[in-house]
């Protein structure tokens, strides 16, 4: 493996995080803080517990997932789109690095940035509400696995997009609604039975449910199913990336 090549791509992408600190870190942290103020303090004070958990604490896993998913997709999609836009992607493809090493560099950096942001948000949440983490290992595992999966998904979007506006279509029009309807601010058990069934077709439900289980030991679906669904989506993304490099889809033309 060409570790120097992977390191070069990884360091370049991580350096971009430092150059865009306001957009990459401060903006999502401030947005999440506003959610805590509005939903945790203003609305949460008027709501009862959910499953014996204070409402302000209950929504923490969902809010972390909201930022994690959006930033994973954004970092990875923008990271691979810019070389396409500037034409430097051909230099990357002609360099002595394999396709696996290219993906490892770009997706590894996007995953790292998303995990760092998720941990910062968790620390920031302490300023607003007291919470506990019942299963720290699984919490970190879900954090990394989700960041990796959606960084791969963002990488696919970045290759598919042929304009800046397309980079925002999937995150804003599809992912964001799925997150809000995936149990971020409520338990799907609170929904009518028919909507509970419909919610099970939302893949984000399994991510948030598993992540919430790692905090409080409660979940809308069994944690094993949450892990399984996440691994299925990860496998689909890996297969799609393999196909893109095998066929040269929107890379060699």
C-alpha atoms as a PDB file:
ATOM      1  CA  UNK A   1       0.000   0.000   0.000  1.00  0.00           C
ATOM      2  CA  UNK A   2       1.202   3.483  -0.891  1.00  0.00           C
ATOM      3  CA  UNK A   3       0.891   5.054   2.554  1.00  0.00           C
ATOM      4  CA  UNK A   4       2.557   8.256   1.372  1.00  0.00           C
ATOM      5  CA  UNK A   5      -0.152   8.748  -1.234  1.00  0.00           C
ATOM      6  CA  UNK A   6      -2.935   8.053   1.265  1.00  0.00           C
ATOM      7  CA  UNK A   7      -1.311  10.391   3.783  1.00  0.00           C
ATOM      8  CA  UNK A   8      -0.988  13.167   1.197  1.00  0.00           C
ATOM      9  CA  UNK A   9      -4.693  13.026   0.293  1.00  0.00           C
ATOM     10  CA  UNK A  10      -5.714  12.682   3.939  1.00  0.00           C
ATOM     11  CA  UNK A  11      -3.572  15.610   5.126  1.00  0.00           C
ATOM     12  CA  UNK A  12      -4.779  17.821   2.269  1.00  0.00           C
ATOM     13  CA  UNK A  13      -8.420  17.190   3.195  1.00  0.00           C
ATOM     14  CA  UNK A  14      -7.773  17.685   6.911  1.00  0.00           C
ATOM     15  CA  UNK A  15      -5.996  20.971   6.153  1.00  0.00           C
ATOM     16  CA  UNK A  16      -9.160  22.140   4.388  1.00  0.00           C
ATOM     17  CA  UNK A  17     -11.005  21.723   7.675  1.00  0.00           C
ATOM     18  CA  UNK A  18      -8.624  24.206   9.302  1.00  0.00           C
ATOM     19  CA  UNK A  19      -9.098  26.690   6.464  1.00  0.00           C
ATOM     20  CA  UNK A  20     -12.894  26.472   6.718  1.00  0.00           C
ATOM     21  CA  UNK A  21     -13.190  26.188  10.493  1.00  0.00           C
ATOM     22  CA  UNK A  22     -16.244  28.448  10.656  1.00  0.00           C
ATOM     23  CA  UNK A  23     -18.180  26.382   8.126  1.00  0.00           C
ATOM     24  CA  UNK A  24     -16.869  22.948   9.102  1.00  0.00           C
ATOM     25  CA  UNK A  25     -17.101  23.148  12.890  1.00  0.00           C
ATOM     26  CA  UNK A  26     -18.545  26.336  14.348  1.00  0.00           C
ATOM     27  CA  UNK A  27     -21.600  26.523  12.093  1.00  0.00           C
ATOM     28  CA  UNK A  28     -22.955  22.999  12.830  1.00  0.00           C
ATOM     29  CA  UNK A  29     -22.117  23.330  16.543  1.00  0.00           C
ATOM     30  CA  UNK A  30     -24.001  26.650  16.780  1.00  0.00           C
ATOM     31  CA  UNK A  31     -26.952  25.185  14.855  1.00  0.00           C
ATOM     32  CA  UNK A  32     -27.095  22.208  17.219  1.00  0.00           C
ATOM     33  CA  UNK A  33     -26.936  24.544  20.229  1.00  0.00           C
ATOM     34  CA  UNK A  34     -30.009  26.332  18.886  1.00  0.00           C
ATOM     35  CA  UNK A  35     -31.817  22.994  18.697  1.00  0.00           C
ATOM     36  CA  UNK A  36     -30.932  22.373  22.336  1.00  0.00           C
ATOM     37  CA  UNK A  37     -32.233  25.809  23.337  1.00  0.00           C
ATOM     38  CA  UNK A  38     -35.491  25.537  21.372  1.00  0.00           C
ATOM     39  CA  UNK A  39     -36.368  21.846  21.712  1.00  0.00           C
ATOM     40  CA  UNK A  40     -34.455  20.969  24.856  1.00  0.00           C
ATOM     41  CA  UNK A  41     -35.190  23.987  27.037  1.00  0.00           C
ATOM     42  CA  UNK A  42     -38.231  25.772  25.621  1.00  0.00           C
ATOM     43  CA  UNK A  43     -40.263  22.780  24.421  1.00  0.00           C
ATOM     44  CA  UNK A  44     -38.635  20.079  26.551  1.00  0.00           C
ATOM     45  CA  UNK A  45     -39.610  21.819  29.784  1.00  0.00           C
ATOM     46  CA  UNK A  46     -43.264  21.378  28.776  1.00  0.00           C
ATOM     47  CA  UNK A  47     -42.951  17.716  27.835  1.00  0.00           C
ATOM     48  CA  UNK A  48     -42.757  14.675  30.026  1.00  0.00           C
ATOM     49  CA  UNK A  49     -40.109  11.998  30.021  1.00  0.00           C
ATOM     50  CA  UNK A  50     -39.836   9.526  27.150  1.00  0.00           C
ATOM     51  CA  UNK A  51     -39.124   6.025  28.369  1.00  0.00           C
ATOM     52  CA  UNK A  52     -38.064   7.447  31.723  1.00  0.00           C
ATOM     53  CA  UNK A  53     -35.504   9.762  30.068  1.00  0.00           C
ATOM     54  CA  UNK A  54     -35.661  13.533  30.287  1.00  0.00           C
ATOM     55  CA  UNK A  55     -36.709  14.937  26.909  1.00  0.00           C
ATOM     56  CA  UNK A  56     -33.697  17.253  26.622  1.00  0.00           C
ATOM     57  CA  UNK A  57     -31.383  14.285  27.144  1.00  0.00           C
ATOM     58  CA  UNK A  58     -33.476  12.030  24.897  1.00  0.00           C
ATOM     59  CA  UNK A  59     -32.934  14.167  21.790  1.00  0.00           C
ATOM     60  CA  UNK A  60     -29.125  14.352  22.152  1.00  0.00           C
ATOM     61  CA  UNK A  61     -28.362  11.199  20.097  1.00  0.00           C
ATOM     62  CA  UNK A  62     -30.703  12.346  17.330  1.00  0.00           C
ATOM     63  CA  UNK A  63     -29.162  15.811  17.144  1.00  0.00           C
ATOM     64  CA  UNK A  64     -25.657  14.359  17.034  1.00  0.00           C
ATOM     65  CA  UNK A  65     -26.734  12.049  14.213  1.00  0.00           C
ATOM     66  CA  UNK A  66     -28.296  14.972  12.345  1.00  0.00           C
ATOM     67  CA  UNK A  67     -25.001  16.873  12.291  1.00  0.00           C
ATOM     68  CA  UNK A  68     -22.932  13.728  11.759  1.00  0.00           C
ATOM     69  CA  UNK A  69     -24.844  12.630   8.670  1.00  0.00           C
ATOM     70  CA  UNK A  70     -24.914  16.062   7.070  1.00  0.00           C
ATOM     71  CA  UNK A  71     -21.239  16.791   7.691  1.00  0.00           C
ATOM     72  CA  UNK A  72     -20.099  13.325   6.597  1.00  0.00           C
ATOM     73  CA  UNK A  73     -21.893  13.738   3.286  1.00  0.00           C
ATOM     74  CA  UNK A  74     -20.812  17.360   2.843  1.00  0.00           C
ATOM     75  CA  UNK A  75     -17.117  16.786   3.585  1.00  0.00           C
ATOM     76  CA  UNK A  76     -16.782  13.714   1.374  1.00  0.00           C
ATOM     77  CA  UNK A  77     -18.843  15.020  -1.547  1.00  0.00           C
ATOM     78  CA  UNK A  78     -17.078  18.388  -1.667  1.00  0.00           C
ATOM     79  CA  UNK A  79     -13.679  16.745  -1.211  1.00  0.00           C
ATOM     80  CA  UNK A  80     -13.978  14.612  -4.372  1.00  0.00           C
ATOM     81  CA  UNK A  81     -16.057  17.106  -6.371  1.00  0.00           C
ATOM     82  CA  UNK A  82     -13.463  19.889  -6.281  1.00  0.00           C
ATOM     83  CA  UNK A  83     -10.741  17.817  -8.033  1.00  0.00           C
ATOM     84  CA  UNK A  84     -13.359  16.986 -10.696  1.00  0.00           C
ATOM     85  CA  UNK A  85     -14.339  20.638 -11.009  1.00  0.00           C
ATOM     86  CA  UNK A  86     -10.741  21.873 -11.261  1.00  0.00           C
ATOM     87  CA  UNK A  87      -9.539  18.989 -13.432  1.00  0.00           C
ATOM     88  CA  UNK A  88      -6.931  17.778 -10.954  1.00  0.00           C
ATOM     89  CA  UNK A  89      -8.787  14.473 -10.610  1.00  0.00           C
ATOM     90  CA  UNK A  90      -6.840  13.220 -13.640  1.00  0.00           C
ATOM     91  CA  UNK A  91      -3.569  13.829 -11.808  1.00  0.00           C
ATOM     92  CA  UNK A  92      -4.891  11.862  -8.855  1.00  0.00           C
ATOM     93  CA  UNK A  93      -6.019   8.986 -11.087  1.00  0.00           C
ATOM     94  CA  UNK A  94      -2.664   8.898 -12.892  1.00  0.00           C
ATOM     95  CA  UNK A  95      -0.657   8.988  -9.654  1.00  0.00           C
ATOM     96  CA  UNK A  96       0.868   5.732  -8.307  1.00  0.00           C
ATOM     97  CA  UNK A  97      -2.031   5.154  -5.908  1.00  0.00           C
ATOM     98  CA  UNK A  98      -4.734   2.536  -6.220  1.00  0.00           C
ATOM     99  CA  UNK A  99      -8.454   3.249  -6.224  1.00  0.00           C
ATOM    100  CA  UNK A 100      -8.668   1.826  -2.724  1.00  0.00           C
ATOM    101  CA  UNK A 101      -5.985   4.241  -1.519  1.00  0.00           C
ATOM    102  CA  UNK A 102      -7.771   7.200  -3.126  1.00  0.00           C
ATOM    103  CA  UNK A 103     -11.018   6.289  -1.381  1.00  0.00           C
ATOM    104  CA  UNK A 104      -9.161   5.641   1.869  1.00  0.00           C
ATOM    105  CA  UNK A 105      -7.617   9.109   1.791  1.00  0.00           C
ATOM    106  CA  UNK A 106     -10.760  11.069   0.940  1.00  0.00           C
ATOM    107  CA  UNK A 107     -13.272   9.036   2.943  1.00  0.00           C
ATOM    108  CA  UNK A 108     -10.868   8.611   5.874  1.00  0.00           C
ATOM    109  CA  UNK A 109     -10.482  12.385   6.170  1.00  0.00           C
ATOM    110  CA  UNK A 110     -14.243  12.989   5.894  1.00  0.00           C
ATOM    111  CA  UNK A 111     -14.906  10.321   8.539  1.00  0.00           C
ATOM    112  CA  UNK A 112     -12.320  11.825  10.884  1.00  0.00           C
ATOM    113  CA  UNK A 113     -13.791  15.310  10.548  1.00  0.00           C
ATOM    114  CA  UNK A 114     -17.331  14.040  11.151  1.00  0.00           C
ATOM    115  CA  UNK A 115     -16.303  12.051  14.255  1.00  0.00           C
ATOM    116  CA  UNK A 116     -14.431  15.062  15.679  1.00  0.00           C
ATOM    117  CA  UNK A 117     -17.518  17.213  15.113  1.00  0.00           C
ATOM    118  CA  UNK A 118     -19.759  14.605  16.760  1.00  0.00           C
ATOM    119  CA  UNK A 119     -17.550  14.508  19.854  1.00  0.00           C
ATOM    120  CA  UNK A 120     -17.476  18.318  20.027  1.00  0.00           C
ATOM    121  CA  UNK A 121     -21.278  18.408  19.902  1.00  0.00           C
ATOM    122  CA  UNK A 122     -21.471  15.806  22.677  1.00  0.00           C
ATOM    123  CA  UNK A 123     -19.183  17.949  24.842  1.00  0.00           C
ATOM    124  CA  UNK A 124     -21.207  21.059  24.006  1.00  0.00           C
ATOM    125  CA  UNK A 125     -24.410  19.265  25.012  1.00  0.00           C
ATOM    126  CA  UNK A 126     -23.062  19.143  28.581  1.00  0.00           C
ATOM    127  CA  UNK A 127     -23.606  22.888  28.761  1.00  0.00           C
ATOM    128  CA  UNK A 128     -27.353  22.403  28.289  1.00  0.00           C
ATOM    129  CA  UNK A 129     -28.286  19.070  29.843  1.00  0.00           C
ATOM    130  CA  UNK A 130     -26.837  16.294  31.943  1.00  0.00           C
ATOM    131  CA  UNK A 131     -26.712  12.922  30.225  1.00  0.00           C
ATOM    132  CA  UNK A 132     -25.009   9.572  30.603  1.00  0.00           C
ATOM    133  CA  UNK A 133     -23.490   7.063  28.191  1.00  0.00           C
ATOM    134  CA  UNK A 134     -24.380   3.528  29.251  1.00  0.00           C
ATOM    135  CA  UNK A 135     -22.302   1.799  26.551  1.00  0.00           C
ATOM    136  CA  UNK A 136     -19.299   4.037  25.631  1.00  0.00           C
ATOM    137  CA  UNK A 137     -17.751   1.434  23.318  1.00  0.00           C
ATOM    138  CA  UNK A 138     -20.930   1.030  21.285  1.00  0.00           C
ATOM    139  CA  UNK A 139     -21.530   4.767  21.272  1.00  0.00           C
ATOM    140  CA  UNK A 140     -18.114   5.356  19.698  1.00  0.00           C
ATOM    141  CA  UNK A 141     -18.590   2.372  17.373  1.00  0.00           C
ATOM    142  CA  UNK A 142     -21.915   3.696  16.086  1.00  0.00           C
ATOM    143  CA  UNK A 143     -20.361   7.151  15.711  1.00  0.00           C
ATOM    144  CA  UNK A 144     -17.463   5.887  13.596  1.00  0.00           C
ATOM    145  CA  UNK A 145     -19.516   3.374  11.606  1.00  0.00           C
ATOM    146  CA  UNK A 146     -22.173   5.954  10.724  1.00  0.00           C
ATOM    147  CA  UNK A 147     -19.577   8.579   9.803  1.00  0.00           C
ATOM    148  CA  UNK A 148     -17.769   6.064   7.581  1.00  0.00           C
ATOM    149  CA  UNK A 149     -20.959   4.898   5.886  1.00  0.00           C
ATOM    150  CA  UNK A 150     -22.237   8.369   5.055  1.00  0.00           C
ATOM    151  CA  UNK A 151     -18.798   9.598   4.061  1.00  0.00           C
ATOM    152  CA  UNK A 152     -18.836   6.848   1.430  1.00  0.00           C
ATOM    153  CA  UNK A 153     -22.340   7.947   0.474  1.00  0.00           C
ATOM    154  CA  UNK A 154     -21.109  11.539   0.179  1.00  0.00           C
ATOM    155  CA  UNK A 155     -18.173  10.363  -1.942  1.00  0.00           C
ATOM    156  CA  UNK A 156     -20.685   8.790  -4.345  1.00  0.00           C
ATOM    157  CA  UNK A 157     -22.722  11.998  -4.461  1.00  0.00           C
ATOM    158  CA  UNK A 158     -19.585  14.034  -5.172  1.00  0.00           C
ATOM    159  CA  UNK A 159     -18.745  11.841  -8.167  1.00  0.00           C
ATOM    160  CA  UNK A 160     -22.344  11.836  -9.410  1.00  0.00           C
ATOM    161  CA  UNK A 161     -22.799  15.611  -9.150  1.00  0.00           C
ATOM    162  CA  UNK A 162     -21.965  17.705 -12.194  1.00  0.00           C
ATOM    163  CA  UNK A 163     -22.712  21.041 -10.526  1.00  0.00           C
ATOM    164  CA  UNK A 164     -22.559  22.640  -7.093  1.00  0.00           C
ATOM    165  CA  UNK A 165     -26.333  22.648  -6.781  1.00  0.00           C
ATOM    166  CA  UNK A 166     -26.453  18.850  -7.109  1.00  0.00           C
ATOM    167  CA  UNK A 167     -24.172  18.508  -4.078  1.00  0.00           C
ATOM    168  CA  UNK A 168     -27.043  19.851  -1.962  1.00  0.00           C
ATOM    169  CA  UNK A 169     -29.995  18.064  -3.544  1.00  0.00           C
ATOM    170  CA  UNK A 170     -29.642  14.702  -1.793  1.00  0.00           C
ATOM    171  CA  UNK A 171     -28.624  16.047   1.674  1.00  0.00           C
ATOM    172  CA  UNK A 172     -31.307  18.739   1.773  1.00  0.00           C
ATOM    173  CA  UNK A 173     -34.170  17.046  -0.081  1.00  0.00           C
ATOM    174  CA  UNK A 174     -33.730  13.450   1.080  1.00  0.00           C
ATOM    175  CA  UNK A 175     -31.367  12.989   4.046  1.00  0.00           C
ATOM    176  CA  UNK A 176     -32.612  15.913   6.176  1.00  0.00           C
ATOM    177  CA  UNK A 177     -36.318  14.897   5.981  1.00  0.00           C
ATOM    178  CA  UNK A 178     -35.380  11.285   6.749  1.00  0.00           C
ATOM    179  CA  UNK A 179     -33.456  12.414   9.843  1.00  0.00           C
ATOM    180  CA  UNK A 180     -36.320  14.552  11.139  1.00  0.00           C
ATOM    181  CA  UNK A 181     -38.759  11.706  10.508  1.00  0.00           C
ATOM    182  CA  UNK A 182     -36.371   9.113  11.925  1.00  0.00           C
ATOM    183  CA  UNK A 183     -37.030   9.658  15.623  1.00  0.00           C
ATOM    184  CA  UNK A 184     -34.675  12.567  16.271  1.00  0.00           C
ATOM    185  CA  UNK A 185     -37.169  14.410  18.455  1.00  0.00           C
ATOM    186  CA  UNK A 186     -39.514  11.575  19.397  1.00  0.00           C
ATOM    187  CA  UNK A 187     -39.900   7.831  19.768  1.00  0.00           C
ATOM    188  CA  UNK A 188     -41.661   6.124  16.883  1.00  0.00           C
ATOM    189  CA  UNK A 189     -43.694   4.275  19.532  1.00  0.00           C
ATOM    190  CA  UNK A 190     -45.536   7.591  20.006  1.00  0.00           C
ATOM    191  CA  UNK A 191     -46.868   7.391  16.429  1.00  0.00           C
ATOM    192  CA  UNK A 192     -50.055   5.675  15.270  1.00  0.00           C
ATOM    193  CA  UNK A 193     -49.488   2.036  14.379  1.00  0.00           C
ATOM    194  CA  UNK A 194     -49.610   2.608  10.622  1.00  0.00           C
ATOM    195  CA  UNK A 195     -46.953   5.325  10.848  1.00  0.00           C
ATOM    196  CA  UNK A 196     -44.791   3.130  13.037  1.00  0.00           C
ATOM    197  CA  UNK A 197     -44.780   0.572  10.243  1.00  0.00           C
ATOM    198  CA  UNK A 198     -43.983   3.209   7.620  1.00  0.00           C
ATOM    199  CA  UNK A 199     -41.149   4.567   9.785  1.00  0.00           C
ATOM    200  CA  UNK A 200     -39.435   1.177   9.713  1.00  0.00           C
ATOM    201  CA  UNK A 201     -38.713   1.779   6.010  1.00  0.00           C
ATOM    202  CA  UNK A 202     -36.682   4.848   6.986  1.00  0.00           C
ATOM    203  CA  UNK A 203     -33.033   3.710   7.300  1.00  0.00           C
ATOM    204  CA  UNK A 204     -32.174   6.615   9.597  1.00  0.00           C
ATOM    205  CA  UNK A 205     -34.514   5.176  12.253  1.00  0.00           C
ATOM    206  CA  UNK A 206     -32.059   2.303  12.783  1.00  0.00           C
ATOM    207  CA  UNK A 207     -29.068   4.636  13.068  1.00  0.00           C
ATOM    208  CA  UNK A 208     -30.663   6.924  15.646  1.00  0.00           C
ATOM    209  CA  UNK A 209     -32.248   4.034  17.551  1.00  0.00           C
ATOM    210  CA  UNK A 210     -28.954   2.168  17.875  1.00  0.00           C
ATOM    211  CA  UNK A 211     -27.072   5.312  18.836  1.00  0.00           C
ATOM    212  CA  UNK A 212     -29.701   6.166  21.490  1.00  0.00           C
ATOM    213  CA  UNK A 213     -29.453   2.638  22.879  1.00  0.00           C
ATOM    214  CA  UNK A 214     -25.716   3.191  23.428  1.00  0.00           C
ATOM    215  CA  UNK A 215     -26.586   6.183  25.613  1.00  0.00           C
ATOM    216  CA  UNK A 216     -29.592   5.049  27.611  1.00  0.00           C
ATOM    217  CA  UNK A 217     -30.213   1.379  26.876  1.00  0.00           C
ATOM    218  CA  UNK A 218     -33.552   2.113  25.168  1.00  0.00           C
ATOM    219  CA  UNK A 219     -34.319   1.883  21.465  1.00  0.00           C
ATOM    220  CA  UNK A 220     -37.211   1.803  19.018  1.00  0.00           C
ATOM    221  CA  UNK A 221     -35.801  -1.287  17.282  1.00  0.00           C
ATOM    222  CA  UNK A 222     -33.470  -4.033  18.493  1.00  0.00           C
ATOM    223  CA  UNK A 223     -29.849  -2.886  18.549  1.00  0.00           C
ATOM    224  CA  UNK A 224     -28.799  -5.942  16.530  1.00  0.00           C
ATOM    225  CA  UNK A 225     -31.109  -4.876  13.713  1.00  0.00           C
ATOM    226  CA  UNK A 226     -29.668  -1.344  13.900  1.00  0.00           C
ATOM    227  CA  UNK A 227     -26.122  -2.669  13.494  1.00  0.00           C
ATOM    228  CA  UNK A 228     -27.220  -4.992  10.689  1.00  0.00           C
ATOM    229  CA  UNK A 229     -28.988  -2.252   8.724  1.00  0.00           C
ATOM    230  CA  UNK A 230     -25.982   0.052   9.086  1.00  0.00           C
ATOM    231  CA  UNK A 231     -23.658  -2.660   7.778  1.00  0.00           C
ATOM    232  CA  UNK A 232     -26.020  -3.330   4.856  1.00  0.00           C
ATOM    233  CA  UNK A 233     -25.962   0.346   3.856  1.00  0.00           C
ATOM    234  CA  UNK A 234     -22.175   0.401   4.266  1.00  0.00           C
ATOM    235  CA  UNK A 235     -21.886  -2.638   1.977  1.00  0.00           C
ATOM    236  CA  UNK A 236     -24.117  -1.013  -0.638  1.00  0.00           C
ATOM    237  CA  UNK A 237     -21.995   2.152  -0.598  1.00  0.00           C
ATOM    238  CA  UNK A 238     -18.775   0.147  -0.892  1.00  0.00           C
ATOM    239  CA  UNK A 239     -20.226  -1.786  -3.828  1.00  0.00           C
ATOM    240  CA  UNK A 240     -21.274   1.456  -5.542  1.00  0.00           C
ATOM    241  CA  UNK A 241     -17.791   2.951  -5.102  1.00  0.00           C
ATOM    242  CA  UNK A 242     -16.205  -0.223  -6.494  1.00  0.00           C
ATOM    243  CA  UNK A 243     -18.480  -0.027  -9.546  1.00  0.00           C
ATOM    244  CA  UNK A 244     -17.670   3.677 -10.081  1.00  0.00           C
ATOM    245  CA  UNK A 245     -13.935   3.038 -10.267  1.00  0.00           C
ATOM    246  CA  UNK A 246     -14.362  -0.141 -12.285  1.00  0.00           C
ATOM    247  CA  UNK A 247     -16.409   1.627 -14.956  1.00  0.00           C
ATOM    248  CA  UNK A 248     -14.861   5.095 -14.616  1.00  0.00           C
ATOM    249  CA  UNK A 249     -18.331   6.613 -14.164  1.00  0.00           C
ATOM    250  CA  UNK A 250     -17.966  10.416 -14.398  1.00  0.00           C
ATOM    251  CA  UNK A 251     -14.257  10.143 -13.688  1.00  0.00           C
ATOM    252  CA  UNK A 252     -12.680   9.393 -17.054  1.00  0.00           C
ATOM    253  CA  UNK A 253     -14.972  11.488 -19.237  1.00  0.00           C
END
